[in-house]
Amino acid sequence: MSEDQQQNQQGEEKRQLTALEQLTRPAEEFVNDATVEVAWLSTAVRHMEAYYRLISSLKEPASLRLTPNDDLIYGAFREAFPELNVERLTEEAIKSAEGKWRRTDFSKQLFLTPLFLLPSTAKAKWRQFCNEMEDKVADFNFATLMRLNARLGYSEENSIVVPRAQFVAIEIARNRLGFNDNLPPPPPSEEGDN
């Protein structure tokens, strides 16, 4: 191999990003690239499996710390969402009700207002909360799989994709309130290990 070819190869290697580096880049830089989606899915599934193994192995995970900032995150979460039932979530409580309409009475005239235009939608509140967690939760905006019902394991019906900051805040609350206590063990993995 000539010296020029070696330099070109080294330059190309430096330009290639690892999957983790790709996933931390701003979303605007990406289109629906299958390699990025596969890398995200692989990372999300590994995180999901590791987290569930951890919480299901502890009888009472109330003292489990997910970040060095758990107390601050929990306080901000409860201030922003004091009535949110973290034991059983719905997609509507987590995400905007885009595409749905609410009847609003302004001066005896009924208007149909799309919920996603209302300033208090769940999506807007969560976006603000997550942005405030940027310096408190590592990879705060990384898409993460979360269980809707805290008493059940991960499944297609019981899982939703949320930003990491949202996952961390809700799981801190679930741990502190005892909703992750005495979970059934995870099913054996395909490799046969637990």
N, C-alpha and C. Protein backbone atom coordinates (compact mmCIF):
# COMPACT_ATOMS: atom_id res chain seq x y z
N MET A 1 0.86 -1.17 0.00
CA MET A 1 0.00 0.00 0.00
C MET A 1 0.90 1.23 0.00
N SER A 2 0.58 2.17 -0.88
CA SER A 2 1.40 3.38 -0.98
C SER A 2 1.14 4.29 0.21
N GLU A 3 2.01 5.27 0.41
CA GLU A 3 1.88 6.22 1.51
C GLU A 3 0.59 7.04 1.36
N ASP A 4 0.27 7.43 0.12
CA ASP A 4 -0.96 8.19 -0.11
C ASP A 4 -2.20 7.37 0.26
N GLN A 5 -2.20 6.07 -0.10
CA GLN A 5 -3.33 5.21 0.22
C GLN A 5 -3.47 5.04 1.73
N GLN A 6 -2.33 4.91 2.43
CA GLN A 6 -2.37 4.79 3.88
C GLN A 6 -2.95 6.05 4.52
N GLN A 7 -2.54 7.20 4.04
CA GLN A 7 -3.04 8.46 4.58
C GLN A 7 -4.54 8.61 4.32
N ASN A 8 -4.95 8.22 3.10
CA ASN A 8 -6.38 8.27 2.78
C ASN A 8 -7.18 7.34 3.68
N GLN A 9 -6.66 6.13 3.91
CA GLN A 9 -7.35 5.16 4.76
C GLN A 9 -7.43 5.67 6.21
N GLN A 10 -6.34 6.24 6.72
CA GLN A 10 -6.35 6.78 8.09
C GLN A 10 -7.33 7.95 8.20
N GLY A 11 -7.38 8.80 7.19
CA GLY A 11 -8.32 9.91 7.19
C GLY A 11 -9.75 9.42 7.18
N GLU A 12 -10.01 8.38 6.39
CA GLU A 12 -11.36 7.81 6.33
C GLU A 12 -11.76 7.21 7.67
N GLU A 13 -10.84 6.53 8.34
CA GLU A 13 -11.13 5.93 9.63
C GLU A 13 -11.47 7.01 10.66
N LYS A 14 -10.78 8.14 10.60
CA LYS A 14 -11.04 9.22 11.53
C LYS A 14 -12.42 9.84 11.28
N ARG A 15 -12.86 9.86 10.01
CA ARG A 15 -14.15 10.45 9.67
C ARG A 15 -15.32 9.56 10.07
N GLN A 16 -15.08 8.26 10.14
CA GLN A 16 -16.16 7.36 10.52
C GLN A 16 -16.43 7.50 12.01
N LEU A 17 -17.70 7.65 12.34
CA LEU A 17 -18.09 7.79 13.73
C LEU A 17 -18.58 6.46 14.28
N THR A 18 -18.32 6.22 15.53
CA THR A 18 -18.88 5.03 16.16
C THR A 18 -20.38 5.23 16.29
N ALA A 19 -21.10 4.15 16.56
CA ALA A 19 -22.55 4.24 16.72
C ALA A 19 -22.91 5.20 17.85
N LEU A 20 -22.19 5.14 18.95
CA LEU A 20 -22.50 6.02 20.07
C LEU A 20 -22.26 7.48 19.69
N GLU A 21 -21.19 7.76 18.99
CA GLU A 21 -20.93 9.13 18.56
C GLU A 21 -22.03 9.61 17.61
N GLN A 22 -22.48 8.74 16.73
CA GLN A 22 -23.56 9.10 15.82
C GLN A 22 -24.83 9.45 16.57
N LEU A 23 -25.13 8.69 17.60
CA LEU A 23 -26.38 8.88 18.32
C LEU A 23 -26.39 10.11 19.21
N THR A 24 -25.24 10.70 19.44
CA THR A 24 -25.20 11.91 20.26
C THR A 24 -25.16 13.17 19.39
N ARG A 25 -25.19 13.02 18.10
CA ARG A 25 -25.21 14.16 17.18
C ARG A 25 -26.60 14.78 17.16
N PRO A 26 -26.73 16.05 16.79
CA PRO A 26 -28.05 16.68 16.71
C PRO A 26 -28.95 15.97 15.70
N ALA A 27 -30.21 15.82 16.04
CA ALA A 27 -31.17 15.09 15.21
C ALA A 27 -31.29 15.69 13.81
N GLU A 28 -31.11 16.99 13.68
CA GLU A 28 -31.27 17.64 12.38
C GLU A 28 -30.26 17.13 11.34
N GLU A 29 -29.18 16.52 11.79
CA GLU A 29 -28.15 16.03 10.88
C GLU A 29 -28.51 14.69 10.24
N PHE A 30 -29.61 14.10 10.68
CA PHE A 30 -29.93 12.75 10.23
C PHE A 30 -31.22 12.70 9.42
N VAL A 31 -31.24 11.75 8.53
CA VAL A 31 -32.47 11.33 7.87
C VAL A 31 -32.74 9.93 8.40
N ASN A 32 -33.75 9.27 7.93
CA ASN A 32 -34.03 7.92 8.41
C ASN A 32 -33.00 6.95 7.87
N ASP A 33 -31.86 6.94 8.51
CA ASP A 33 -30.76 6.06 8.12
C ASP A 33 -30.89 4.76 8.90
N ALA A 34 -30.99 3.66 8.18
CA ALA A 34 -31.20 2.37 8.83
C ALA A 34 -30.08 2.03 9.79
N THR A 35 -28.85 2.40 9.51
CA THR A 35 -27.76 2.07 10.43
C THR A 35 -27.90 2.82 11.75
N VAL A 36 -28.38 4.05 11.70
CA VAL A 36 -28.60 4.81 12.93
C VAL A 36 -29.74 4.20 13.71
N GLU A 37 -30.82 3.82 13.03
CA GLU A 37 -31.96 3.22 13.71
C GLU A 37 -31.57 1.89 14.35
N VAL A 38 -30.78 1.08 13.68
CA VAL A 38 -30.34 -0.19 14.24
C VAL A 38 -29.42 0.05 15.44
N ALA A 39 -28.54 1.03 15.34
CA ALA A 39 -27.65 1.36 16.46
C ALA A 39 -28.46 1.84 17.65
N TRP A 40 -29.45 2.71 17.41
CA TRP A 40 -30.30 3.17 18.51
C TRP A 40 -31.03 2.00 19.13
N LEU A 41 -31.66 1.17 18.32
CA LEU A 41 -32.44 0.05 18.83
C LEU A 41 -31.56 -0.87 19.68
N SER A 42 -30.39 -1.17 19.20
CA SER A 42 -29.47 -2.03 19.93
C SER A 42 -29.13 -1.43 21.29
N THR A 43 -28.82 -0.16 21.32
CA THR A 43 -28.48 0.53 22.57
C THR A 43 -29.69 0.58 23.49
N ALA A 44 -30.86 0.91 22.95
CA ALA A 44 -32.08 1.01 23.76
C ALA A 44 -32.46 -0.33 24.37
N VAL A 45 -32.33 -1.40 23.62
CA VAL A 45 -32.68 -2.73 24.13
C VAL A 45 -31.69 -3.15 25.21
N ARG A 46 -30.40 -2.90 25.01
CA ARG A 46 -29.41 -3.23 26.05
C ARG A 46 -29.70 -2.46 27.33
N HIS A 47 -30.03 -1.19 27.21
CA HIS A 47 -30.37 -0.38 28.39
C HIS A 47 -31.62 -0.93 29.07
N MET A 48 -32.64 -1.23 28.28
CA MET A 48 -33.90 -1.76 28.81
C MET A 48 -33.65 -3.04 29.59
N GLU A 49 -32.91 -3.97 29.00
CA GLU A 49 -32.63 -5.25 29.65
C GLU A 49 -31.82 -5.06 30.93
N ALA A 50 -30.79 -4.23 30.88
CA ALA A 50 -29.95 -4.01 32.06
C ALA A 50 -30.74 -3.35 33.18
N TYR A 51 -31.53 -2.35 32.85
CA TYR A 51 -32.31 -1.65 33.87
C TYR A 51 -33.33 -2.58 34.51
N TYR A 52 -34.03 -3.35 33.70
CA TYR A 52 -35.04 -4.24 34.27
C TYR A 52 -34.39 -5.33 35.12
N ARG A 53 -33.26 -5.87 34.67
CA ARG A 53 -32.55 -6.86 35.50
C ARG A 53 -32.18 -6.24 36.85
N LEU A 54 -31.73 -5.00 36.84
CA LEU A 54 -31.33 -4.32 38.07
C LEU A 54 -32.52 -4.14 39.01
N ILE A 55 -33.60 -3.52 38.53
CA ILE A 55 -34.72 -3.24 39.45
C ILE A 55 -35.45 -4.50 39.87
N SER A 56 -35.47 -5.52 39.02
CA SER A 56 -36.17 -6.75 39.41
C SER A 56 -35.32 -7.61 40.34
N SER A 57 -34.03 -7.34 40.42
CA SER A 57 -33.17 -8.10 41.33
C SER A 57 -33.19 -7.51 42.74
N LEU A 58 -33.67 -6.29 42.89
CA LEU A 58 -33.76 -5.64 44.19
C LEU A 58 -35.17 -5.80 44.73
N LYS A 59 -35.30 -6.23 45.98
CA LYS A 59 -36.63 -6.38 46.56
C LYS A 59 -37.32 -5.02 46.69
N GLU A 60 -36.56 -4.02 47.14
CA GLU A 60 -37.10 -2.67 47.30
C GLU A 60 -36.08 -1.67 46.74
N PRO A 61 -36.23 -1.26 45.49
CA PRO A 61 -35.25 -0.36 44.87
C PRO A 61 -35.38 1.12 45.26
N ALA A 62 -36.04 1.41 46.38
CA ALA A 62 -36.25 2.81 46.79
C ALA A 62 -34.94 3.56 46.98
N SER A 63 -33.90 2.87 47.40
CA SER A 63 -32.62 3.55 47.66
C SER A 63 -31.72 3.58 46.42
N LEU A 64 -32.17 2.98 45.34
CA LEU A 64 -31.38 2.96 44.10
C LEU A 64 -31.24 4.37 43.55
N ARG A 65 -30.02 4.76 43.23
CA ARG A 65 -29.77 6.08 42.65
C ARG A 65 -29.45 5.89 41.17
N LEU A 66 -30.22 6.54 40.32
CA LEU A 66 -30.01 6.45 38.88
C LEU A 66 -29.01 7.48 38.38
N THR A 67 -28.90 8.60 39.10
CA THR A 67 -27.95 9.66 38.75
C THR A 67 -27.45 10.30 40.04
N PRO A 68 -26.40 11.09 39.97
CA PRO A 68 -25.98 11.84 41.16
C PRO A 68 -26.98 12.94 41.52
N ASN A 69 -27.92 13.24 40.63
CA ASN A 69 -28.87 14.34 40.82
C ASN A 69 -30.28 13.86 41.11
N ASP A 70 -30.46 12.66 41.61
CA ASP A 70 -31.80 12.09 41.81
C ASP A 70 -32.72 12.98 42.63
N ASP A 71 -32.23 13.52 43.74
CA ASP A 71 -33.08 14.35 44.60
C ASP A 71 -33.57 15.59 43.86
N LEU A 72 -32.68 16.23 43.15
CA LEU A 72 -33.03 17.43 42.40
C LEU A 72 -34.02 17.11 41.27
N ILE A 73 -33.77 16.01 40.55
CA ILE A 73 -34.64 15.59 39.45
C ILE A 73 -36.03 15.25 39.98
N TYR A 74 -36.08 14.51 41.08
CA TYR A 74 -37.37 14.12 41.65
C TYR A 74 -38.16 15.36 42.10
N GLY A 75 -37.49 16.31 42.75
CA GLY A 75 -38.16 17.53 43.19
C GLY A 75 -38.72 18.33 42.02
N ALA A 76 -37.91 18.49 40.96
CA ALA A 76 -38.36 19.23 39.78
C ALA A 76 -39.50 18.49 39.08
N PHE A 77 -39.41 17.16 39.03
CA PHE A 77 -40.46 16.35 38.40
C PHE A 77 -41.79 16.51 39.15
N ARG A 78 -41.76 16.39 40.47
CA ARG A 78 -42.99 16.49 41.24
C ARG A 78 -43.56 17.91 41.23
N GLU A 79 -42.68 18.89 41.10
CA GLU A 79 -43.16 20.26 40.99
C GLU A 79 -43.88 20.47 39.65
N ALA A 80 -43.32 19.92 38.59
CA ALA A 80 -43.89 20.09 37.25
C ALA A 80 -45.10 19.18 37.02
N PHE A 81 -45.10 18.00 37.62
CA PHE A 81 -46.15 17.01 37.38
C PHE A 81 -46.65 16.42 38.70
N PRO A 82 -47.24 17.24 39.56
CA PRO A 82 -47.62 16.76 40.90
C PRO A 82 -48.69 15.67 40.90
N GLU A 83 -49.55 15.64 39.91
CA GLU A 83 -50.66 14.70 39.89
C GLU A 83 -50.43 13.49 38.99
N LEU A 84 -49.29 13.42 38.35
CA LEU A 84 -49.05 12.33 37.40
C LEU A 84 -48.95 10.99 38.12
N ASN A 85 -49.77 10.04 37.71
CA ASN A 85 -49.76 8.70 38.28
C ASN A 85 -48.64 7.91 37.61
N VAL A 86 -47.52 7.76 38.29
CA VAL A 86 -46.37 7.09 37.69
C VAL A 86 -46.49 5.57 37.71
N GLU A 87 -47.45 5.05 38.47
CA GLU A 87 -47.63 3.60 38.49
C GLU A 87 -48.17 3.11 37.15
N ARG A 88 -49.17 3.81 36.63
CA ARG A 88 -49.79 3.43 35.35
C ARG A 88 -49.91 4.67 34.49
N LEU A 89 -49.07 4.74 33.51
CA LEU A 89 -49.06 5.89 32.61
C LEU A 89 -49.86 5.58 31.35
N THR A 90 -50.28 6.63 30.69
CA THR A 90 -50.90 6.49 29.38
C THR A 90 -50.04 7.26 28.39
N GLU A 91 -50.14 6.90 27.15
CA GLU A 91 -49.39 7.62 26.13
C GLU A 91 -49.80 9.09 26.10
N GLU A 92 -51.06 9.37 26.33
CA GLU A 92 -51.54 10.75 26.32
C GLU A 92 -50.91 11.57 27.44
N ALA A 93 -50.67 10.96 28.59
CA ALA A 93 -50.04 11.68 29.70
C ALA A 93 -48.57 11.96 29.42
N ILE A 94 -47.99 11.16 28.55
CA ILE A 94 -46.57 11.28 28.24
C ILE A 94 -46.33 12.13 27.00
N LYS A 95 -47.20 11.99 26.03
CA LYS A 95 -47.00 12.69 24.75
C LYS A 95 -48.19 13.56 24.46
N SER A 96 -48.01 14.45 23.54
CA SER A 96 -49.09 15.35 23.15
C SER A 96 -50.25 14.57 22.55
N ALA A 97 -51.42 15.13 22.69
CA ALA A 97 -52.61 14.52 22.09
C ALA A 97 -52.81 15.07 20.68
N GLU A 98 -51.73 15.15 19.93
CA GLU A 98 -51.82 15.70 18.58
C GLU A 98 -52.85 14.94 17.77
N GLY A 99 -53.58 15.69 16.98
CA GLY A 99 -54.57 15.08 16.13
C GLY A 99 -55.93 14.95 16.80
N LYS A 100 -55.99 15.17 18.11
CA LYS A 100 -57.27 15.14 18.80
C LYS A 100 -57.73 16.57 18.99
N TRP A 101 -59.00 16.73 19.21
CA TRP A 101 -59.58 18.07 19.29
C TRP A 101 -60.34 18.22 20.60
N ARG A 102 -60.38 19.42 21.10
CA ARG A 102 -61.13 19.73 22.31
C ARG A 102 -62.09 20.85 22.02
N ARG A 103 -63.31 20.74 22.54
CA ARG A 103 -64.30 21.80 22.36
C ARG A 103 -64.01 22.90 23.37
N THR A 104 -63.94 24.11 22.91
CA THR A 104 -63.68 25.26 23.76
C THR A 104 -64.80 26.27 23.57
N ASP A 105 -65.34 26.77 24.66
CA ASP A 105 -66.43 27.73 24.61
C ASP A 105 -65.89 29.14 24.83
N PHE A 106 -65.81 29.93 23.78
CA PHE A 106 -65.40 31.33 23.86
C PHE A 106 -66.61 32.18 23.49
N SER A 107 -67.17 32.89 24.48
CA SER A 107 -68.32 33.78 24.26
C SER A 107 -69.47 33.05 23.58
N LYS A 108 -69.81 31.90 24.08
CA LYS A 108 -70.95 31.11 23.62
C LYS A 108 -70.77 30.53 22.21
N GLN A 109 -69.59 30.71 21.62
CA GLN A 109 -69.32 30.08 20.33
C GLN A 109 -68.39 28.90 20.59
N LEU A 110 -68.70 27.79 19.98
CA LEU A 110 -67.85 26.63 20.15
C LEU A 110 -66.78 26.60 19.06
N PHE A 111 -65.58 26.40 19.49
CA PHE A 111 -64.47 26.27 18.57
C PHE A 111 -63.84 24.91 18.78
N LEU A 112 -63.37 24.33 17.73
CA LEU A 112 -62.60 23.10 17.85
C LEU A 112 -61.13 23.50 17.82
N THR A 113 -60.45 23.23 18.91
CA THR A 113 -59.05 23.62 19.04
C THR A 113 -58.19 22.36 19.08
N PRO A 114 -57.24 22.23 18.17
CA PRO A 114 -56.36 21.05 18.27
C PRO A 114 -55.58 21.12 19.58
N LEU A 115 -55.54 20.01 20.30
CA LEU A 115 -54.87 20.01 21.60
C LEU A 115 -53.40 20.36 21.50
N PHE A 116 -52.75 20.01 20.38
CA PHE A 116 -51.32 20.30 20.30
C PHE A 116 -51.05 21.79 20.16
N LEU A 117 -52.09 22.61 19.92
CA LEU A 117 -51.90 24.06 19.88
C LEU A 117 -52.06 24.70 21.25
N LEU A 118 -52.61 23.95 22.20
CA LEU A 118 -52.80 24.49 23.53
C LEU A 118 -51.46 24.49 24.26
N PRO A 119 -51.16 25.56 24.99
CA PRO A 119 -49.83 25.66 25.61
C PRO A 119 -49.57 24.67 26.72
N SER A 120 -50.59 24.09 27.30
CA SER A 120 -50.38 23.20 28.43
C SER A 120 -50.38 21.72 28.04
N THR A 121 -50.17 21.40 26.79
CA THR A 121 -50.17 20.00 26.39
C THR A 121 -49.03 19.27 27.08
N ALA A 122 -49.22 17.98 27.24
CA ALA A 122 -48.21 17.15 27.88
C ALA A 122 -46.88 17.26 27.14
N LYS A 123 -46.93 17.25 25.83
CA LYS A 123 -45.69 17.29 25.05
C LYS A 123 -44.91 18.57 25.35
N ALA A 124 -45.59 19.70 25.41
CA ALA A 124 -44.90 20.97 25.68
C ALA A 124 -44.32 20.98 27.09
N LYS A 125 -45.08 20.50 28.06
CA LYS A 125 -44.58 20.47 29.44
C LYS A 125 -43.38 19.54 29.56
N TRP A 126 -43.47 18.39 28.94
CA TRP A 126 -42.36 17.45 29.00
C TRP A 126 -41.13 17.99 28.28
N ARG A 127 -41.33 18.65 27.15
CA ARG A 127 -40.20 19.22 26.42
C ARG A 127 -39.46 20.21 27.30
N GLN A 128 -40.21 21.09 27.97
CA GLN A 128 -39.59 22.07 28.86
C GLN A 128 -38.86 21.38 30.01
N PHE A 129 -39.51 20.38 30.61
CA PHE A 129 -38.88 19.65 31.71
C PHE A 129 -37.58 18.99 31.26
N CYS A 130 -37.63 18.29 30.15
CA CYS A 130 -36.44 17.58 29.65
C CYS A 130 -35.31 18.55 29.34
N ASN A 131 -35.63 19.68 28.74
CA ASN A 131 -34.58 20.67 28.45
C ASN A 131 -33.96 21.20 29.73
N GLU A 132 -34.73 21.33 30.79
CA GLU A 132 -34.18 21.76 32.07
C GLU A 132 -33.28 20.71 32.70
N MET A 133 -33.39 19.46 32.27
CA MET A 133 -32.59 18.36 32.80
C MET A 133 -31.31 18.12 32.00
N GLU A 134 -31.06 18.93 30.99
CA GLU A 134 -29.93 18.71 30.09
C GLU A 134 -28.61 18.53 30.83
N ASP A 135 -28.36 19.34 31.85
CA ASP A 135 -27.09 19.23 32.56
C ASP A 135 -27.18 18.32 33.79
N LYS A 136 -28.31 17.67 34.00
CA LYS A 136 -28.50 16.80 35.16
C LYS A 136 -28.62 15.33 34.80
N VAL A 137 -28.99 15.04 33.55
CA VAL A 137 -29.17 13.67 33.09
C VAL A 137 -28.29 13.46 31.86
N ALA A 138 -27.38 12.52 31.95
CA ALA A 138 -26.52 12.22 30.80
C ALA A 138 -27.38 11.77 29.63
N ASP A 139 -27.06 12.25 28.46
CA ASP A 139 -27.82 11.90 27.25
C ASP A 139 -29.31 12.14 27.46
N PHE A 140 -29.64 13.30 28.01
CA PHE A 140 -31.00 13.63 28.44
C PHE A 140 -32.05 13.45 27.35
N ASN A 141 -31.67 13.58 26.09
CA ASN A 141 -32.63 13.54 25.00
C ASN A 141 -32.56 12.22 24.21
N PHE A 142 -31.78 11.26 24.68
CA PHE A 142 -31.63 9.99 23.99
C PHE A 142 -32.93 9.19 24.12
N ALA A 143 -33.43 8.68 23.03
CA ALA A 143 -34.67 7.90 23.03
C ALA A 143 -34.48 6.63 23.85
N THR A 144 -35.39 6.41 24.80
CA THR A 144 -35.27 5.33 25.77
C THR A 144 -36.61 4.61 25.89
N LEU A 145 -36.57 3.31 26.05
CA LEU A 145 -37.79 2.53 26.22
C LEU A 145 -38.22 2.56 27.68
N MET A 146 -39.51 2.84 27.92
CA MET A 146 -40.05 2.91 29.27
C MET A 146 -41.33 2.09 29.35
N ARG A 147 -41.55 1.46 30.51
CA ARG A 147 -42.78 0.70 30.75
C ARG A 147 -43.92 1.66 31.11
N LEU A 148 -45.09 1.43 30.54
CA LEU A 148 -46.25 2.24 30.89
C LEU A 148 -46.80 1.84 32.26
N ASN A 149 -46.91 0.55 32.52
CA ASN A 149 -47.39 0.05 33.80
C ASN A 149 -46.18 -0.44 34.59
N ALA A 150 -45.92 0.20 35.73
CA ALA A 150 -44.74 -0.12 36.52
C ALA A 150 -44.76 -1.53 37.09
N ARG A 151 -45.92 -2.12 37.22
CA ARG A 151 -46.03 -3.46 37.82
C ARG A 151 -45.75 -4.58 36.82
N LEU A 152 -45.61 -4.23 35.55
CA LEU A 152 -45.39 -5.23 34.50
C LEU A 152 -44.01 -5.04 33.89
N GLY A 153 -43.53 -6.09 33.26
CA GLY A 153 -42.25 -6.02 32.57
C GLY A 153 -42.40 -5.34 31.22
N TYR A 154 -41.30 -5.28 30.51
CA TYR A 154 -41.32 -4.70 29.17
C TYR A 154 -42.02 -5.65 28.21
N SER A 155 -42.85 -5.10 27.36
CA SER A 155 -43.50 -5.83 26.28
C SER A 155 -43.88 -4.79 25.23
N GLU A 156 -44.29 -5.26 24.08
CA GLU A 156 -44.68 -4.32 23.03
C GLU A 156 -45.85 -3.44 23.48
N GLU A 157 -46.80 -4.03 24.19
CA GLU A 157 -47.99 -3.28 24.64
C GLU A 157 -47.68 -2.37 25.82
N ASN A 158 -46.64 -2.68 26.58
CA ASN A 158 -46.35 -1.95 27.82
C ASN A 158 -45.13 -1.06 27.70
N SER A 159 -44.71 -0.76 26.50
CA SER A 159 -43.50 0.05 26.31
C SER A 159 -43.77 1.24 25.41
N ILE A 160 -43.05 2.30 25.69
CA ILE A 160 -43.15 3.53 24.92
C ILE A 160 -41.75 4.13 24.83
N VAL A 161 -41.48 4.86 23.77
CA VAL A 161 -40.19 5.52 23.60
C VAL A 161 -40.32 6.95 24.12
N VAL A 162 -39.42 7.31 25.04
CA VAL A 162 -39.42 8.64 25.65
C VAL A 162 -37.99 9.15 25.72
N PRO A 163 -37.80 10.45 25.90
CA PRO A 163 -36.45 10.97 26.13
C PRO A 163 -35.89 10.44 27.46
N ARG A 164 -34.60 10.25 27.52
CA ARG A 164 -33.95 9.70 28.72
C ARG A 164 -34.31 10.50 29.98
N ALA A 165 -34.37 11.82 29.92
CA ALA A 165 -34.70 12.63 31.10
C ALA A 165 -36.07 12.27 31.64
N GLN A 166 -37.02 12.02 30.77
CA GLN A 166 -38.37 11.66 31.17
C GLN A 166 -38.36 10.28 31.83
N PHE A 167 -37.65 9.34 31.23
CA PHE A 167 -37.51 8.00 31.79
C PHE A 167 -36.91 8.06 33.20
N VAL A 168 -35.81 8.80 33.35
CA VAL A 168 -35.12 8.87 34.63
C VAL A 168 -36.04 9.47 35.70
N ALA A 169 -36.72 10.56 35.38
CA ALA A 169 -37.60 11.20 36.36
C ALA A 169 -38.71 10.26 36.80
N ILE A 170 -39.35 9.59 35.87
CA ILE A 170 -40.45 8.69 36.20
C ILE A 170 -39.96 7.47 36.97
N GLU A 171 -38.83 6.92 36.58
CA GLU A 171 -38.31 5.74 37.28
C GLU A 171 -37.80 6.08 38.68
N ILE A 172 -37.25 7.27 38.88
CA ILE A 172 -36.87 7.69 40.24
C ILE A 172 -38.13 7.72 41.11
N ALA A 173 -39.21 8.31 40.58
CA ALA A 173 -40.47 8.37 41.32
C ALA A 173 -41.01 6.97 41.60
N ARG A 174 -40.99 6.10 40.61
CA ARG A 174 -41.50 4.74 40.81
C ARG A 174 -40.69 4.01 41.88
N ASN A 175 -39.39 4.17 41.85
CA ASN A 175 -38.56 3.52 42.86
C ASN A 175 -38.87 4.05 44.25
N ARG A 176 -38.96 5.36 44.39
CA ARG A 176 -39.20 5.98 45.71
C ARG A 176 -40.60 5.67 46.25
N LEU A 177 -41.57 5.52 45.36
CA LEU A 177 -42.94 5.26 45.79
C LEU A 177 -43.26 3.77 45.92
N GLY A 178 -42.30 2.92 45.61
CA GLY A 178 -42.47 1.48 45.79
C GLY A 178 -43.14 0.76 44.63
N PHE A 179 -43.33 1.43 43.51
CA PHE A 179 -44.00 0.78 42.38
C PHE A 179 -43.11 -0.21 41.64
N ASN A 180 -41.81 -0.17 41.86
CA ASN A 180 -40.89 -1.14 41.26
C ASN A 180 -40.50 -2.24 42.24
N ASP A 181 -41.16 -2.30 43.39
CA ASP A 181 -40.86 -3.33 44.39
C ASP A 181 -41.39 -4.68 43.92
N ASN A 182 -40.63 -5.74 44.23
CA ASN A 182 -41.06 -7.13 44.01
C ASN A 182 -41.48 -7.42 42.58
N LEU A 183 -40.75 -6.91 41.62
CA LEU A 183 -41.05 -7.20 40.22
C LEU A 183 -40.66 -8.64 39.89
N PRO A 184 -41.38 -9.27 38.97
CA PRO A 184 -40.97 -10.61 38.56
C PRO A 184 -39.63 -10.54 37.83
N PRO A 185 -38.86 -11.61 37.90
CA PRO A 185 -37.57 -11.59 37.20
C PRO A 185 -37.78 -11.51 35.69
N PRO A 186 -36.79 -11.00 35.00
CA PRO A 186 -36.93 -10.92 33.54
C PRO A 186 -36.90 -12.32 32.94
N PRO A 187 -37.51 -12.49 31.78
CA PRO A 187 -37.44 -13.80 31.13
C PRO A 187 -36.00 -14.07 30.73
N PRO A 188 -35.62 -15.34 30.67
CA PRO A 188 -34.24 -15.65 30.24
C PRO A 188 -33.99 -15.10 28.85
N SER A 189 -32.79 -14.61 28.63
CA SER A 189 -32.45 -14.07 27.31
C SER A 189 -32.28 -15.22 26.34
N GLU A 190 -32.20 -14.89 25.07
CA GLU A 190 -32.06 -15.92 24.03
C GLU A 190 -30.76 -16.68 24.16
N GLU A 191 -29.75 -16.03 24.77
CA GLU A 191 -28.46 -16.70 24.97
C GLU A 191 -28.51 -17.64 26.16
N GLY A 192 -29.61 -17.60 26.95
CA GLY A 192 -29.77 -18.49 28.06
C GLY A 192 -29.24 -17.97 29.37
N ASP A 193 -28.77 -16.71 29.42
CA ASP A 193 -28.27 -16.17 30.68
C ASP A 193 -29.33 -15.24 31.27
N ASN A 194 -29.23 -14.96 32.57
CA ASN A 194 -30.16 -14.05 33.23
C ASN A 194 -29.51 -12.77 33.55
